[in-house]
């Protein structure tokens, strides 16, 4: 497994798509934090969510993960990858772990950058700032969300081989389908893997996230539910990967 993980890390490190999307995640997160800290006047109760919860890495790592595995088919590198490691289950597991931990590390870097910039701007403006313990708690929760987002992205990409269809379908699920389900059937939507559960895991309330009065599960239950989603989709993706012809 270690050689497979090293190979996936090398792919991530040397791929322009990863650098571009990681840069976009860092740039958009800092932009949101800076604009809010400069233009708004957050209160002591809202400053943590309004300014410091600007990490967009979960969205970008999900897209990157989908592109990372579906791109193996698009660029026909899947053949050489599986020739080097014929065990398709281990190949998929290594890619899932690589993108999961890449998402976690990216989120931690972004959280540190946001904290440095936000504390500086808010301090200059004389506005309230959250305690360091609260910021650290938010950072590790955001990192956990990005970790599961990376894993989910790989699993979804294993199901849908076409890169464009996979990315567009994922965006539609996250921005249209799941919010509609939350609005119409909150008892079901509260366990959605792309919106409700990540928000619950992050520790942000439904009201703060714009979901109204939806009763989100606890962070612990959300983590378990996300692991269950990953296990189910991973199993389906692994079954398809084993059955597919590389040609």
C-alpha atoms as a PDB file:
ATOM      1  CA  UNK A   1       0.000   0.000   0.000  1.00  0.00           C
ATOM      2  CA  UNK A   2       2.847   2.415   0.778  1.00  0.00           C
ATOM      3  CA  UNK A   3       4.223   2.427  -2.806  1.00  0.00           C
ATOM      4  CA  UNK A   4       0.699   3.137  -4.069  1.00  0.00           C
ATOM      5  CA  UNK A   5       0.265   6.005  -1.638  1.00  0.00           C
ATOM      6  CA  UNK A   6       3.645   7.447  -2.611  1.00  0.00           C
ATOM      7  CA  UNK A   7       2.688   7.239  -6.282  1.00  0.00           C
ATOM      8  CA  UNK A   8      -0.589   9.057  -5.652  1.00  0.00           C
ATOM      9  CA  UNK A   9       1.161  11.757  -3.626  1.00  0.00           C
ATOM     10  CA  UNK A  10       3.642  12.272  -6.463  1.00  0.00           C
ATOM     11  CA  UNK A  11       0.740  12.601  -8.913  1.00  0.00           C
ATOM     12  CA  UNK A  12      -0.869  15.212  -6.700  1.00  0.00           C
ATOM     13  CA  UNK A  13       2.343  17.137  -6.182  1.00  0.00           C
ATOM     14  CA  UNK A  14       3.239  17.284  -9.863  1.00  0.00           C
ATOM     15  CA  UNK A  15      -0.199  17.856 -11.385  1.00  0.00           C
ATOM     16  CA  UNK A  16      -1.021  21.380 -12.534  1.00  0.00           C
ATOM     17  CA  UNK A  17      -4.704  20.798 -11.823  1.00  0.00           C
ATOM     18  CA  UNK A  18      -3.964  20.198  -8.147  1.00  0.00           C
ATOM     19  CA  UNK A  19      -1.825  23.321  -7.891  1.00  0.00           C
ATOM     20  CA  UNK A  20      -4.456  25.394  -9.696  1.00  0.00           C
ATOM     21  CA  UNK A  21      -7.378  24.200  -7.567  1.00  0.00           C
ATOM     22  CA  UNK A  22      -5.365  24.407  -4.342  1.00  0.00           C
ATOM     23  CA  UNK A  23      -4.437  27.967  -5.246  1.00  0.00           C
ATOM     24  CA  UNK A  24      -8.066  28.735  -6.045  1.00  0.00           C
ATOM     25  CA  UNK A  25      -9.166  27.318  -2.686  1.00  0.00           C
ATOM     26  CA  UNK A  26      -6.599  29.415  -0.835  1.00  0.00           C
ATOM     27  CA  UNK A  27      -7.390  32.530  -2.855  1.00  0.00           C
ATOM     28  CA  UNK A  28     -11.168  32.354  -2.496  1.00  0.00           C
ATOM     29  CA  UNK A  29     -10.957  31.536   1.208  1.00  0.00           C
ATOM     30  CA  UNK A  30      -8.683  34.490   1.910  1.00  0.00           C
ATOM     31  CA  UNK A  31     -10.790  36.766  -0.273  1.00  0.00           C
ATOM     32  CA  UNK A  32     -13.951  35.900   1.646  1.00  0.00           C
ATOM     33  CA  UNK A  33     -12.235  36.349   5.001  1.00  0.00           C
ATOM     34  CA  UNK A  34     -10.566  39.636   4.057  1.00  0.00           C
ATOM     35  CA  UNK A  35     -13.689  41.183   2.527  1.00  0.00           C
ATOM     36  CA  UNK A  36     -15.811  40.231   5.522  1.00  0.00           C
ATOM     37  CA  UNK A  37     -13.220  41.478   8.007  1.00  0.00           C
ATOM     38  CA  UNK A  38     -12.844  44.794   6.143  1.00  0.00           C
ATOM     39  CA  UNK A  39     -16.384  45.554   5.034  1.00  0.00           C
ATOM     40  CA  UNK A  40     -18.488  44.000   7.792  1.00  0.00           C
ATOM     41  CA  UNK A  41     -18.584  44.578  11.532  1.00  0.00           C
ATOM     42  CA  UNK A  42     -18.957  41.092  13.021  1.00  0.00           C
ATOM     43  CA  UNK A  43     -19.955  40.811  16.652  1.00  0.00           C
ATOM     44  CA  UNK A  44     -18.189  38.729  19.257  1.00  0.00           C
ATOM     45  CA  UNK A  45     -20.797  35.995  18.783  1.00  0.00           C
ATOM     46  CA  UNK A  46     -20.675  35.958  14.972  1.00  0.00           C
ATOM     47  CA  UNK A  47     -17.030  36.700  14.157  1.00  0.00           C
ATOM     48  CA  UNK A  48     -15.910  33.062  14.270  1.00  0.00           C
ATOM     49  CA  UNK A  49     -18.426  31.927  11.648  1.00  0.00           C
ATOM     50  CA  UNK A  50     -18.536  35.150   9.635  1.00  0.00           C
ATOM     51  CA  UNK A  51     -14.778  35.576   9.183  1.00  0.00           C
ATOM     52  CA  UNK A  52     -12.850  32.497  10.280  1.00  0.00           C
ATOM     53  CA  UNK A  53     -15.190  29.885   8.739  1.00  0.00           C
ATOM     54  CA  UNK A  54     -14.288  30.966   5.190  1.00  0.00           C
ATOM     55  CA  UNK A  55     -12.435  27.775   4.252  1.00  0.00           C
ATOM     56  CA  UNK A  56     -13.545  26.614   0.776  1.00  0.00           C
ATOM     57  CA  UNK A  57     -11.116  23.696   0.565  1.00  0.00           C
ATOM     58  CA  UNK A  58     -13.846  21.037   0.913  1.00  0.00           C
ATOM     59  CA  UNK A  59     -15.467  22.139  -2.350  1.00  0.00           C
ATOM     60  CA  UNK A  60     -12.219  22.282  -4.294  1.00  0.00           C
ATOM     61  CA  UNK A  61     -10.803  19.015  -2.940  1.00  0.00           C
ATOM     62  CA  UNK A  62     -14.056  17.253  -3.867  1.00  0.00           C
ATOM     63  CA  UNK A  63     -13.787  18.514  -7.450  1.00  0.00           C
ATOM     64  CA  UNK A  64     -10.086  17.679  -7.535  1.00  0.00           C
ATOM     65  CA  UNK A  65     -10.730  14.150  -6.278  1.00  0.00           C
ATOM     66  CA  UNK A  66     -13.394  13.552  -8.923  1.00  0.00           C
ATOM     67  CA  UNK A  67     -11.055  14.883 -11.609  1.00  0.00           C
ATOM     68  CA  UNK A  68      -8.176  12.850 -10.174  1.00  0.00           C
ATOM     69  CA  UNK A  69      -9.807   9.458 -10.649  1.00  0.00           C
ATOM     70  CA  UNK A  70     -11.992  10.166 -13.676  1.00  0.00           C
ATOM     71  CA  UNK A  71      -8.943  11.673 -15.356  1.00  0.00           C
ATOM     72  CA  UNK A  72      -7.292   8.252 -15.185  1.00  0.00           C
ATOM     73  CA  UNK A  73      -9.876   7.110 -17.742  1.00  0.00           C
ATOM     74  CA  UNK A  74      -9.904  10.314 -19.759  1.00  0.00           C
ATOM     75  CA  UNK A  75      -6.131  10.362 -20.236  1.00  0.00           C
ATOM     76  CA  UNK A  76      -5.912   6.542 -20.402  1.00  0.00           C
ATOM     77  CA  UNK A  77      -3.411   6.352 -17.544  1.00  0.00           C
ATOM     78  CA  UNK A  78      -5.636   3.818 -15.786  1.00  0.00           C
ATOM     79  CA  UNK A  79      -4.041   1.000 -17.781  1.00  0.00           C
ATOM     80  CA  UNK A  80      -0.487   1.764 -16.721  1.00  0.00           C
ATOM     81  CA  UNK A  81      -1.611   2.422 -13.154  1.00  0.00           C
ATOM     82  CA  UNK A  82      -3.293  -0.967 -12.894  1.00  0.00           C
ATOM     83  CA  UNK A  83      -0.445  -2.735 -14.649  1.00  0.00           C
ATOM     84  CA  UNK A  84       1.820  -1.446 -11.901  1.00  0.00           C
ATOM     85  CA  UNK A  85      -0.743  -2.522  -9.269  1.00  0.00           C
ATOM     86  CA  UNK A  86      -3.241  -5.091 -10.587  1.00  0.00           C
ATOM     87  CA  UNK A  87      -5.222  -5.103  -7.325  1.00  0.00           C
ATOM     88  CA  UNK A  88      -7.949  -2.616  -8.229  1.00  0.00           C
ATOM     89  CA  UNK A  89      -9.335  -2.444  -4.700  1.00  0.00           C
ATOM     90  CA  UNK A  90      -5.963  -1.380  -3.283  1.00  0.00           C
ATOM     91  CA  UNK A  91      -5.541   1.107  -6.130  1.00  0.00           C
ATOM     92  CA  UNK A  92      -8.871   2.758  -5.299  1.00  0.00           C
ATOM     93  CA  UNK A  93      -8.142   2.677  -1.564  1.00  0.00           C
ATOM     94  CA  UNK A  94      -4.759   4.370  -2.075  1.00  0.00           C
ATOM     95  CA  UNK A  95      -6.292   7.098  -4.211  1.00  0.00           C
ATOM     96  CA  UNK A  96      -9.068   7.636  -1.664  1.00  0.00           C
ATOM     97  CA  UNK A  97      -6.592   7.978   1.200  1.00  0.00           C
ATOM     98  CA  UNK A  98      -4.305  10.272  -0.798  1.00  0.00           C
ATOM     99  CA  UNK A  99      -7.049  12.742  -1.665  1.00  0.00           C
ATOM    100  CA  UNK A 100      -8.544  12.557   1.823  1.00  0.00           C
ATOM    101  CA  UNK A 101      -5.280  13.550   3.482  1.00  0.00           C
ATOM    102  CA  UNK A 102      -4.544  16.108   0.764  1.00  0.00           C
ATOM    103  CA  UNK A 103      -7.871  17.747   1.592  1.00  0.00           C
ATOM    104  CA  UNK A 104      -7.052  17.726   5.296  1.00  0.00           C
ATOM    105  CA  UNK A 105      -3.619  19.322   4.792  1.00  0.00           C
ATOM    106  CA  UNK A 106      -4.979  21.913   2.369  1.00  0.00           C
ATOM    107  CA  UNK A 107      -7.677  22.882   4.864  1.00  0.00           C
ATOM    108  CA  UNK A 108      -5.157  23.249   7.689  1.00  0.00           C
ATOM    109  CA  UNK A 109      -2.954  25.517   5.568  1.00  0.00           C
ATOM    110  CA  UNK A 110      -5.953  27.642   4.618  1.00  0.00           C
ATOM    111  CA  UNK A 111      -7.178  27.852   8.216  1.00  0.00           C
ATOM    112  CA  UNK A 112      -3.771  29.114   9.375  1.00  0.00           C
ATOM    113  CA  UNK A 113      -3.670  31.689   6.560  1.00  0.00           C
ATOM    114  CA  UNK A 114      -7.192  32.897   7.368  1.00  0.00           C
ATOM    115  CA  UNK A 115      -6.398  33.161  11.071  1.00  0.00           C
ATOM    116  CA  UNK A 116      -3.251  35.230  10.492  1.00  0.00           C
ATOM    117  CA  UNK A 117      -4.964  37.644   8.106  1.00  0.00           C
ATOM    118  CA  UNK A 118      -8.221  37.870  10.056  1.00  0.00           C
ATOM    119  CA  UNK A 119      -6.594  38.537  13.423  1.00  0.00           C
ATOM    120  CA  UNK A 120      -4.468  41.255  11.825  1.00  0.00           C
ATOM    121  CA  UNK A 121      -7.371  43.051  10.118  1.00  0.00           C
ATOM    122  CA  UNK A 122      -9.784  42.754  13.031  1.00  0.00           C
ATOM    123  CA  UNK A 123      -7.090  43.908  15.440  1.00  0.00           C
ATOM    124  CA  UNK A 124      -6.365  47.009  13.360  1.00  0.00           C
ATOM    125  CA  UNK A 125     -10.098  47.807  13.163  1.00  0.00           C
ATOM    126  CA  UNK A 126     -10.560  47.255  16.885  1.00  0.00           C
ATOM    127  CA  UNK A 127     -13.237  44.612  16.326  1.00  0.00           C
ATOM    128  CA  UNK A 128     -13.779  41.567  18.556  1.00  0.00           C
ATOM    129  CA  UNK A 129     -11.794  38.402  17.836  1.00  0.00           C
ATOM    130  CA  UNK A 130     -12.502  34.816  18.887  1.00  0.00           C
ATOM    131  CA  UNK A 131     -10.327  32.912  21.319  1.00  0.00           C
ATOM    132  CA  UNK A 132      -7.474  30.818  19.964  1.00  0.00           C
ATOM    133  CA  UNK A 133      -9.108  27.643  21.299  1.00  0.00           C
ATOM    134  CA  UNK A 134     -12.258  28.373  19.279  1.00  0.00           C
ATOM    135  CA  UNK A 135     -10.231  28.972  16.122  1.00  0.00           C
ATOM    136  CA  UNK A 136      -8.277  25.732  16.631  1.00  0.00           C
ATOM    137  CA  UNK A 137     -11.537  23.830  17.176  1.00  0.00           C
ATOM    138  CA  UNK A 138     -12.965  25.278  13.957  1.00  0.00           C
ATOM    139  CA  UNK A 139      -9.732  24.459  12.078  1.00  0.00           C
ATOM    140  CA  UNK A 140      -9.685  20.777  12.957  1.00  0.00           C
ATOM    141  CA  UNK A 141     -13.393  20.447  12.183  1.00  0.00           C
ATOM    142  CA  UNK A 142     -12.848  22.101   8.791  1.00  0.00           C
ATOM    143  CA  UNK A 143      -9.931  19.752   8.176  1.00  0.00           C
ATOM    144  CA  UNK A 144     -12.156  16.770   8.996  1.00  0.00           C
ATOM    145  CA  UNK A 145     -14.770  18.017   6.525  1.00  0.00           C
ATOM    146  CA  UNK A 146     -12.144  18.373   3.781  1.00  0.00           C
ATOM    147  CA  UNK A 147     -10.776  14.918   4.601  1.00  0.00           C
ATOM    148  CA  UNK A 148     -14.149  13.227   4.070  1.00  0.00           C
ATOM    149  CA  UNK A 149     -14.847  15.467   1.054  1.00  0.00           C
ATOM    150  CA  UNK A 150     -11.684  14.227  -0.653  1.00  0.00           C
ATOM    151  CA  UNK A 151     -12.636  10.625   0.032  1.00  0.00           C
ATOM    152  CA  UNK A 152     -16.199  11.173  -1.192  1.00  0.00           C
ATOM    153  CA  UNK A 153     -14.938  12.806  -4.376  1.00  0.00           C
ATOM    154  CA  UNK A 154     -12.808   9.791  -5.274  1.00  0.00           C
ATOM    155  CA  UNK A 155     -15.662   7.400  -4.568  1.00  0.00           C
ATOM    156  CA  UNK A 156     -18.082   9.399  -6.732  1.00  0.00           C
ATOM    157  CA  UNK A 157     -15.477   9.617  -9.491  1.00  0.00           C
ATOM    158  CA  UNK A 158     -15.085   5.842  -9.359  1.00  0.00           C
ATOM    159  CA  UNK A 159     -18.795   5.498 -10.060  1.00  0.00           C
ATOM    160  CA  UNK A 160     -18.972   7.953 -12.976  1.00  0.00           C
ATOM    161  CA  UNK A 161     -16.152   7.501 -15.440  1.00  0.00           C
ATOM    162  CA  UNK A 162     -16.911  10.566 -17.582  1.00  0.00           C
ATOM    163  CA  UNK A 163     -15.076  13.510 -16.037  1.00  0.00           C
ATOM    164  CA  UNK A 164     -17.452  16.269 -17.097  1.00  0.00           C
ATOM    165  CA  UNK A 165     -20.563  14.324 -16.106  1.00  0.00           C
ATOM    166  CA  UNK A 166     -19.021  13.467 -12.727  1.00  0.00           C
ATOM    167  CA  UNK A 167     -18.059  17.057 -11.872  1.00  0.00           C
ATOM    168  CA  UNK A 168     -21.312  18.614 -13.107  1.00  0.00           C
ATOM    169  CA  UNK A 169     -23.383  15.915 -11.440  1.00  0.00           C
ATOM    170  CA  UNK A 170     -21.582  16.456  -8.150  1.00  0.00           C
ATOM    171  CA  UNK A 171     -22.173  20.212  -8.298  1.00  0.00           C
ATOM    172  CA  UNK A 172     -25.852  19.681  -9.098  1.00  0.00           C
ATOM    173  CA  UNK A 173     -26.193  17.284  -6.179  1.00  0.00           C
ATOM    174  CA  UNK A 174     -24.477  19.660  -3.770  1.00  0.00           C
ATOM    175  CA  UNK A 175     -26.006  22.952  -4.857  1.00  0.00           C
ATOM    176  CA  UNK A 176     -29.456  21.918  -6.122  1.00  0.00           C
ATOM    177  CA  UNK A 177     -30.657  18.420  -5.260  1.00  0.00           C
ATOM    178  CA  UNK A 178     -29.601  18.113  -1.646  1.00  0.00           C
ATOM    179  CA  UNK A 179     -30.723  21.647  -0.646  1.00  0.00           C
ATOM    180  CA  UNK A 180     -34.124  20.891  -2.207  1.00  0.00           C
ATOM    181  CA  UNK A 181     -34.372  17.662  -0.225  1.00  0.00           C
ATOM    182  CA  UNK A 182     -33.412  19.519   2.958  1.00  0.00           C
ATOM    183  CA  UNK A 183     -36.155  22.058   2.283  1.00  0.00           C
ATOM    184  CA  UNK A 184     -38.877  19.565   1.368  1.00  0.00           C
ATOM    185  CA  UNK A 185     -37.953  16.603   3.589  1.00  0.00           C
ATOM    186  CA  UNK A 186     -35.597  17.841   6.331  1.00  0.00           C
ATOM    187  CA  UNK A 187     -35.769  14.543   8.182  1.00  0.00           C
ATOM    188  CA  UNK A 188     -34.127  12.888   5.171  1.00  0.00           C
ATOM    189  CA  UNK A 189     -32.021  15.800   3.990  1.00  0.00           C
ATOM    190  CA  UNK A 190     -30.285  16.185   7.359  1.00  0.00           C
ATOM    191  CA  UNK A 191     -28.271  13.075   6.477  1.00  0.00           C
ATOM    192  CA  UNK A 192     -27.167  14.274   3.045  1.00  0.00           C
ATOM    193  CA  UNK A 193     -23.418  13.735   2.419  1.00  0.00           C
ATOM    194  CA  UNK A 194     -22.646  16.946   0.515  1.00  0.00           C
ATOM    195  CA  UNK A 195     -24.372  19.689   2.535  1.00  0.00           C
ATOM    196  CA  UNK A 196     -26.050  18.746   5.809  1.00  0.00           C
ATOM    197  CA  UNK A 197     -23.541  16.285   7.264  1.00  0.00           C
ATOM    198  CA  UNK A 198     -20.436  18.375   6.457  1.00  0.00           C
ATOM    199  CA  UNK A 199     -22.102  21.412   8.061  1.00  0.00           C
ATOM    200  CA  UNK A 200     -22.958  19.356  11.137  1.00  0.00           C
ATOM    201  CA  UNK A 201     -19.380  18.066  11.339  1.00  0.00           C
ATOM    202  CA  UNK A 202     -17.999  21.598  11.048  1.00  0.00           C
ATOM    203  CA  UNK A 203     -19.900  22.663  14.149  1.00  0.00           C
ATOM    204  CA  UNK A 204     -21.782  25.446  12.341  1.00  0.00           C
ATOM    205  CA  UNK A 205     -25.478  25.604  13.182  1.00  0.00           C
ATOM    206  CA  UNK A 206     -28.185  25.179  10.553  1.00  0.00           C
ATOM    207  CA  UNK A 207     -29.266  28.808  10.971  1.00  0.00           C
ATOM    208  CA  UNK A 208     -25.703  30.083  10.513  1.00  0.00           C
ATOM    209  CA  UNK A 209     -25.373  27.972   7.376  1.00  0.00           C
ATOM    210  CA  UNK A 210     -28.608  29.261   5.918  1.00  0.00           C
ATOM    211  CA  UNK A 211     -30.540  26.016   6.317  1.00  0.00           C
ATOM    212  CA  UNK A 212     -33.215  27.447   8.586  1.00  0.00           C
ATOM    213  CA  UNK A 213     -34.383  25.374  11.523  1.00  0.00           C
ATOM    214  CA  UNK A 214     -33.261  21.964  10.257  1.00  0.00           C
ATOM    215  CA  UNK A 215     -32.312  19.677  13.139  1.00  0.00           C
ATOM    216  CA  UNK A 216     -28.797  18.644  12.109  1.00  0.00           C
ATOM    217  CA  UNK A 217     -27.222  15.586  13.744  1.00  0.00           C
ATOM    218  CA  UNK A 218     -24.431  15.956  16.284  1.00  0.00           C
ATOM    219  CA  UNK A 219     -20.850  16.172  15.025  1.00  0.00           C
ATOM    220  CA  UNK A 220     -20.128  12.613  16.155  1.00  0.00           C
ATOM    221  CA  UNK A 221     -23.198  11.191  14.432  1.00  0.00           C
ATOM    222  CA  UNK A 222     -22.395  13.242  11.320  1.00  0.00           C
ATOM    223  CA  UNK A 223     -18.893  11.749  11.217  1.00  0.00           C
ATOM    224  CA  UNK A 224     -20.285   8.221  11.493  1.00  0.00           C
ATOM    225  CA  UNK A 225     -22.890   8.891   8.804  1.00  0.00           C
ATOM    226  CA  UNK A 226     -20.246  10.319   6.449  1.00  0.00           C
ATOM    227  CA  UNK A 227     -18.063   7.252   7.003  1.00  0.00           C
ATOM    228  CA  UNK A 228     -21.075   5.094   6.140  1.00  0.00           C
ATOM    229  CA  UNK A 229     -21.670   7.087   2.937  1.00  0.00           C
ATOM    230  CA  UNK A 230     -18.004   6.725   1.977  1.00  0.00           C
ATOM    231  CA  UNK A 231     -18.079   2.969   2.665  1.00  0.00           C
ATOM    232  CA  UNK A 232     -21.209   2.439   0.549  1.00  0.00           C
ATOM    233  CA  UNK A 233     -20.064   4.558  -2.403  1.00  0.00           C
ATOM    234  CA  UNK A 234     -16.534   3.132  -2.186  1.00  0.00           C
ATOM    235  CA  UNK A 235     -17.942  -0.387  -2.330  1.00  0.00           C
ATOM    236  CA  UNK A 236     -20.053   0.440  -5.367  1.00  0.00           C
ATOM    237  CA  UNK A 237     -17.124   2.190  -7.063  1.00  0.00           C
ATOM    238  CA  UNK A 238     -14.791  -0.725  -6.345  1.00  0.00           C
ATOM    239  CA  UNK A 239     -17.293  -3.202  -7.787  1.00  0.00           C
ATOM    240  CA  UNK A 240     -17.601  -1.142 -10.970  1.00  0.00           C
ATOM    241  CA  UNK A 241     -13.839  -0.729 -11.223  1.00  0.00           C
ATOM    242  CA  UNK A 242     -13.336  -4.481 -11.014  1.00  0.00           C
ATOM    243  CA  UNK A 243     -15.968  -5.124 -13.673  1.00  0.00           C
ATOM    244  CA  UNK A 244     -14.887  -2.464 -16.163  1.00  0.00           C
ATOM    245  CA  UNK A 245     -12.815  -3.214 -19.209  1.00  0.00           C
ATOM    246  CA  UNK A 246      -9.734  -0.996 -19.339  1.00  0.00           C
ATOM    247  CA  UNK A 247     -10.199  -0.506 -23.073  1.00  0.00           C
END
